[in-house]
Amino acid sequence: MNIMGIAGYSGSGKTTLVVRLIPEIRRRGLTVSTVKHTHHNVSIDKKGSLTRRLRDAGAIDVVVAAKDHWALMHEHRGAPEPSLEDLAARMKPVDILLVEGFKSHSHHKIEVHRPAAETPLLCTDDPYIIAIATDGVVPETALPQLDLNNIPEICDFIVQRM
């Protein structure tokens, strides 16, 4: 599976970029999936729901299946947090796996950087960042700079690296 990460500070527009890239990738006849890692302790399961009750009772895996989609909720139950490789291995193979988060992982990434936010560049400490998607000019780097608002250009860059 071809993995491309989207890295950046909170509020930089990483999720917005991923959401905009998905239809462009699909328009080109390619399949795409995403993995989003978060440092927040979030749950997609509401307290009191049947699935939450099953998890709280001790189930490790709970699958919810409906006509149009299904979801798996897995409890670590003391096991270590899964790696990106572990998660990708559970997924159906696709042409491109877009990854948001896992910034310390060794996969290629595009950094989302907005000069107006005055945040430092991640690429100075991450050799796996191979381009900057920006809404300005970033003179501090020799990496390719992609127009954050030009989704076809960013998609071209990703496809060329597949």
C-alpha atoms as a PDB file:
ATOM      1  CA  MET A   1       0.000   0.000   0.000  1.00  0.00           C
ATOM      2  CA  ASN A   2       1.285   3.467  -0.876  1.00  0.00           C
ATOM      3  CA  ILE A   3       1.289   5.589   2.261  1.00  0.00           C
ATOM      4  CA  MET A   4       1.379   9.393   2.235  1.00  0.00           C
ATOM      5  CA  GLY A   5       1.236  11.265   5.488  1.00  0.00           C
ATOM      6  CA  ILE A   6      -0.210  14.700   6.055  1.00  0.00           C
ATOM      7  CA  ALA A   7       1.621  16.441   8.914  1.00  0.00           C
ATOM      8  CA  GLY A   8       1.231  19.805  10.565  1.00  0.00           C
ATOM      9  CA  TYR A   9       0.306  21.612  13.724  1.00  0.00           C
ATOM     10  CA  SER A  10      -3.206  21.523  15.142  1.00  0.00           C
ATOM     11  CA  GLY A  11      -5.429  23.906  13.203  1.00  0.00           C
ATOM     12  CA  SER A  12      -3.150  24.014  10.155  1.00  0.00           C
ATOM     13  CA  GLY A  13      -5.707  22.392   7.857  1.00  0.00           C
ATOM     14  CA  LYS A  14      -4.539  18.774   7.744  1.00  0.00           C
ATOM     15  CA  THR A  15      -8.011  17.245   7.905  1.00  0.00           C
ATOM     16  CA  THR A  16      -9.383  19.775   5.422  1.00  0.00           C
ATOM     17  CA  LEU A  17      -6.623  18.845   2.991  1.00  0.00           C
ATOM     18  CA  VAL A  18      -7.311  15.109   3.392  1.00  0.00           C
ATOM     19  CA  VAL A  19     -11.050  15.675   2.857  1.00  0.00           C
ATOM     20  CA  ARG A  20     -10.318  17.659  -0.315  1.00  0.00           C
ATOM     21  CA  LEU A  21      -7.775  15.122  -1.623  1.00  0.00           C
ATOM     22  CA  ILE A  22     -10.070  12.081  -1.370  1.00  0.00           C
ATOM     23  CA  PRO A  23     -12.479  13.053  -4.189  1.00  0.00           C
ATOM     24  CA  GLU A  24      -9.566  14.112  -6.420  1.00  0.00           C
ATOM     25  CA  ILE A  25      -7.835  10.774  -5.891  1.00  0.00           C
ATOM     26  CA  ARG A  26     -11.091   8.936  -6.622  1.00  0.00           C
ATOM     27  CA  ARG A  27     -11.716  11.099  -9.720  1.00  0.00           C
ATOM     28  CA  ARG A  28      -8.455   9.682 -11.083  1.00  0.00           C
ATOM     29  CA  GLY A  29      -9.779   6.139 -10.713  1.00  0.00           C
ATOM     30  CA  LEU A  30      -7.683   5.317  -7.662  1.00  0.00           C
ATOM     31  CA  THR A  31      -8.835   3.853  -4.371  1.00  0.00           C
ATOM     32  CA  VAL A  32      -8.088   5.645  -1.128  1.00  0.00           C
ATOM     33  CA  SER A  33      -8.436   5.049   2.597  1.00  0.00           C
ATOM     34  CA  THR A  34      -7.372   7.082   5.596  1.00  0.00           C
ATOM     35  CA  VAL A  35      -5.941   6.577   9.054  1.00  0.00           C
ATOM     36  CA  LYS A  36      -6.166   9.386  11.571  1.00  0.00           C
ATOM     37  CA  HIS A  37      -4.141   9.130  14.737  1.00  0.00           C
ATOM     38  CA  THR A  38      -4.950  11.415  17.609  1.00  0.00           C
ATOM     39  CA  HIS A  39      -3.289  12.156  20.893  1.00  0.00           C
ATOM     40  CA  HIS A  40      -6.711  12.942  22.359  1.00  0.00           C
ATOM     41  CA  ASN A  41      -8.629  10.189  24.122  1.00  0.00           C
ATOM     42  CA  VAL A  42     -11.637  10.169  21.784  1.00  0.00           C
ATOM     43  CA  SER A  43     -14.367   7.590  21.470  1.00  0.00           C
ATOM     44  CA  ILE A  44     -16.785   7.121  18.611  1.00  0.00           C
ATOM     45  CA  ASP A  45     -19.034   5.144  20.929  1.00  0.00           C
ATOM     46  CA  LYS A  46     -21.621   6.949  23.062  1.00  0.00           C
ATOM     47  CA  LYS A  47     -22.023   6.119  26.727  1.00  0.00           C
ATOM     48  CA  GLY A  48     -25.061   3.903  27.239  1.00  0.00           C
ATOM     49  CA  SER A  49     -25.186   2.574  23.663  1.00  0.00           C
ATOM     50  CA  LEU A  50     -25.405  -1.159  23.109  1.00  0.00           C
ATOM     51  CA  THR A  51     -21.897  -1.327  21.643  1.00  0.00           C
ATOM     52  CA  ARG A  52     -20.464   0.682  24.529  1.00  0.00           C
ATOM     53  CA  ARG A  53     -22.161  -1.629  26.993  1.00  0.00           C
ATOM     54  CA  LEU A  54     -20.577  -4.618  25.215  1.00  0.00           C
ATOM     55  CA  ARG A  55     -17.129  -3.001  25.360  1.00  0.00           C
ATOM     56  CA  ASP A  56     -17.590  -1.997  29.006  1.00  0.00           C
ATOM     57  CA  ALA A  57     -18.592  -5.606  29.761  1.00  0.00           C
ATOM     58  CA  GLY A  58     -15.165  -6.737  28.538  1.00  0.00           C
ATOM     59  CA  ALA A  59     -15.439  -7.496  24.809  1.00  0.00           C
ATOM     60  CA  ILE A  60     -12.185  -6.858  22.974  1.00  0.00           C
ATOM     61  CA  ASP A  61     -13.744  -6.433  19.509  1.00  0.00           C
ATOM     62  CA  VAL A  62     -17.238  -5.144  18.781  1.00  0.00           C
ATOM     63  CA  VAL A  63     -18.412  -4.952  15.172  1.00  0.00           C
ATOM     64  CA  VAL A  64     -21.400  -2.838  14.214  1.00  0.00           C
ATOM     65  CA  ALA A  65     -22.762  -3.760  10.787  1.00  0.00           C
ATOM     66  CA  ALA A  66     -25.402  -2.032   8.699  1.00  0.00           C
ATOM     67  CA  LYS A  67     -26.502  -2.182   5.072  1.00  0.00           C
ATOM     68  CA  ASP A  68     -24.074   0.507   3.847  1.00  0.00           C
ATOM     69  CA  HIS A  69     -21.079   0.213   6.199  1.00  0.00           C
ATOM     70  CA  TRP A  70     -19.583  -1.486   9.228  1.00  0.00           C
ATOM     71  CA  ALA A  71     -17.234  -0.437  11.999  1.00  0.00           C
ATOM     72  CA  LEU A  72     -14.902  -2.303  14.304  1.00  0.00           C
ATOM     73  CA  MET A  73     -14.164  -0.990  17.764  1.00  0.00           C
ATOM     74  CA  HIS A  74     -11.192  -2.658  19.385  1.00  0.00           C
ATOM     75  CA  GLU A  75     -10.198  -2.318  23.019  1.00  0.00           C
ATOM     76  CA  HIS A  76      -6.467  -2.553  23.731  1.00  0.00           C
ATOM     77  CA  ARG A  77      -7.140  -4.035  27.179  1.00  0.00           C
ATOM     78  CA  GLY A  78      -3.564  -3.395  28.279  1.00  0.00           C
ATOM     79  CA  ALA A  79      -1.935  -4.257  24.942  1.00  0.00           C
ATOM     80  CA  PRO A  80       0.285  -1.576  23.425  1.00  0.00           C
ATOM     81  CA  GLU A  81      -1.217   0.978  21.058  1.00  0.00           C
ATOM     82  CA  PRO A  82      -1.085  -0.422  17.500  1.00  0.00           C
ATOM     83  CA  SER A  83       1.500   0.861  15.048  1.00  0.00           C
ATOM     84  CA  LEU A  84       0.613   2.304  11.668  1.00  0.00           C
ATOM     85  CA  GLU A  85       1.686  -1.016  10.121  1.00  0.00           C
ATOM     86  CA  ASP A  86      -0.667  -2.921  12.448  1.00  0.00           C
ATOM     87  CA  LEU A  87      -3.587  -0.706  11.488  1.00  0.00           C
ATOM     88  CA  ALA A  88      -2.798  -0.770   7.765  1.00  0.00           C
ATOM     89  CA  ALA A  89      -2.620  -4.580   7.862  1.00  0.00           C
ATOM     90  CA  ARG A  90      -6.227  -4.652   9.121  1.00  0.00           C
ATOM     91  CA  MET A  91      -7.409  -2.529   6.201  1.00  0.00           C
ATOM     92  CA  LYS A  92      -8.387  -3.544   2.694  1.00  0.00           C
ATOM     93  CA  PRO A  93      -5.505  -2.743   0.310  1.00  0.00           C
ATOM     94  CA  VAL A  94      -5.993   0.494  -1.628  1.00  0.00           C
ATOM     95  CA  ASP A  95      -3.922   2.538  -4.067  1.00  0.00           C
ATOM     96  CA  ILE A  96      -3.233   5.322  -1.546  1.00  0.00           C
ATOM     97  CA  LEU A  97      -3.471   5.367   2.233  1.00  0.00           C
ATOM     98  CA  LEU A  98      -3.563   8.940   3.532  1.00  0.00           C
ATOM     99  CA  VAL A  99      -2.307   9.153   7.104  1.00  0.00           C
ATOM    100  CA  GLU A 100      -2.941  12.044   9.439  1.00  0.00           C
ATOM    101  CA  GLY A 101      -0.916  11.808  12.606  1.00  0.00           C
ATOM    102  CA  PHE A 102       1.779   9.217  13.276  1.00  0.00           C
ATOM    103  CA  LYS A 103       4.205  12.093  12.753  1.00  0.00           C
ATOM    104  CA  SER A 104       7.136  10.194  14.273  1.00  0.00           C
ATOM    105  CA  HIS A 105       6.620   7.281  11.866  1.00  0.00           C
ATOM    106  CA  SER A 106       9.011   6.793   8.942  1.00  0.00           C
ATOM    107  CA  HIS A 107       6.680   7.268   5.976  1.00  0.00           C
ATOM    108  CA  HIS A 108       6.691  10.077   3.423  1.00  0.00           C
ATOM    109  CA  LYS A 109       4.712  13.123   4.477  1.00  0.00           C
ATOM    110  CA  ILE A 110       3.511  16.436   3.147  1.00  0.00           C
ATOM    111  CA  GLU A 111       3.642  19.175   5.747  1.00  0.00           C
ATOM    112  CA  VAL A 112       0.733  21.614   5.888  1.00  0.00           C
ATOM    113  CA  HIS A 113       2.226  24.960   6.845  1.00  0.00           C
ATOM    114  CA  ARG A 114       0.563  28.378   7.044  1.00  0.00           C
ATOM    115  CA  PRO A 115       3.168  31.131   7.424  1.00  0.00           C
ATOM    116  CA  ALA A 116       0.571  33.466   8.960  1.00  0.00           C
ATOM    117  CA  ALA A 117       0.196  31.032  11.892  1.00  0.00           C
ATOM    118  CA  GLU A 118       3.862  31.645  12.785  1.00  0.00           C
ATOM    119  CA  THR A 119       4.464  28.029  13.796  1.00  0.00           C
ATOM    120  CA  PRO A 120       7.866  26.443  13.258  1.00  0.00           C
ATOM    121  CA  LEU A 121       8.418  24.068  10.379  1.00  0.00           C
ATOM    122  CA  LEU A 122       8.244  20.359  11.163  1.00  0.00           C
ATOM    123  CA  CYS A 123      10.441  19.478   8.172  1.00  0.00           C
ATOM    124  CA  THR A 124      13.553  20.766   9.919  1.00  0.00           C
ATOM    125  CA  ASP A 125      13.340  17.787  12.314  1.00  0.00           C
ATOM    126  CA  ASP A 126      11.575  15.224  10.097  1.00  0.00           C
ATOM    127  CA  PRO A 127      13.548  13.789   7.168  1.00  0.00           C
ATOM    128  CA  TYR A 128      10.401  12.022   5.917  1.00  0.00           C
ATOM    129  CA  ILE A 129       8.673  15.286   5.016  1.00  0.00           C
ATOM    130  CA  ILE A 130       9.112  15.535   1.260  1.00  0.00           C
ATOM    131  CA  ALA A 131       7.049  18.655   0.446  1.00  0.00           C
ATOM    132  CA  ILE A 132       5.249  21.605   1.994  1.00  0.00           C
ATOM    133  CA  ALA A 133       1.606  22.408   1.195  1.00  0.00           C
ATOM    134  CA  THR A 134       1.255  26.075   1.989  1.00  0.00           C
ATOM    135  CA  ASP A 135      -0.914  29.131   1.440  1.00  0.00           C
ATOM    136  CA  GLY A 136       2.186  31.334   1.304  1.00  0.00           C
ATOM    137  CA  VAL A 137       5.904  31.132   0.636  1.00  0.00           C
ATOM    138  CA  VAL A 138       8.268  29.264   2.935  1.00  0.00           C
ATOM    139  CA  PRO A 139      11.780  30.560   2.222  1.00  0.00           C
ATOM    140  CA  GLU A 140      13.428  28.483   4.989  1.00  0.00           C
ATOM    141  CA  THR A 141      13.294  25.223   2.989  1.00  0.00           C
ATOM    142  CA  ALA A 142      14.414  23.799  -0.326  1.00  0.00           C
ATOM    143  CA  LEU A 143      11.581  21.244  -0.287  1.00  0.00           C
ATOM    144  CA  PRO A 144       8.976  21.459  -3.059  1.00  0.00           C
ATOM    145  CA  GLN A 145       6.220  23.893  -2.138  1.00  0.00           C
ATOM    146  CA  LEU A 146       2.691  23.054  -3.220  1.00  0.00           C
ATOM    147  CA  ASP A 147      -0.222  25.463  -3.288  1.00  0.00           C
ATOM    148  CA  LEU A 148      -2.477  24.380  -0.420  1.00  0.00           C
ATOM    149  CA  ASN A 149      -5.497  25.446  -2.469  1.00  0.00           C
ATOM    150  CA  ASN A 150      -4.461  23.588  -5.631  1.00  0.00           C
ATOM    151  CA  ILE A 151      -5.719  20.094  -4.877  1.00  0.00           C
ATOM    152  CA  PRO A 152      -4.924  18.679  -8.368  1.00  0.00           C
ATOM    153  CA  GLU A 153      -1.293  19.826  -7.956  1.00  0.00           C
ATOM    154  CA  ILE A 154      -0.987  18.143  -4.552  1.00  0.00           C
ATOM    155  CA  CYS A 155      -2.655  15.000  -5.904  1.00  0.00           C
ATOM    156  CA  ASP A 156      -0.234  14.976  -8.872  1.00  0.00           C
ATOM    157  CA  PHE A 157       2.652  15.128  -6.402  1.00  0.00           C
ATOM    158  CA  ILE A 158       1.281  12.196  -4.404  1.00  0.00           C
ATOM    159  CA  VAL A 159       0.523  10.055  -7.465  1.00  0.00           C
ATOM    160  CA  GLN A 160       3.981  10.692  -8.915  1.00  0.00           C
ATOM    161  CA  ARG A 161       5.510   9.239  -5.737  1.00  0.00           C
ATOM    162  CA  MET A 162       3.410   6.071  -5.766  1.00  0.00           C
END
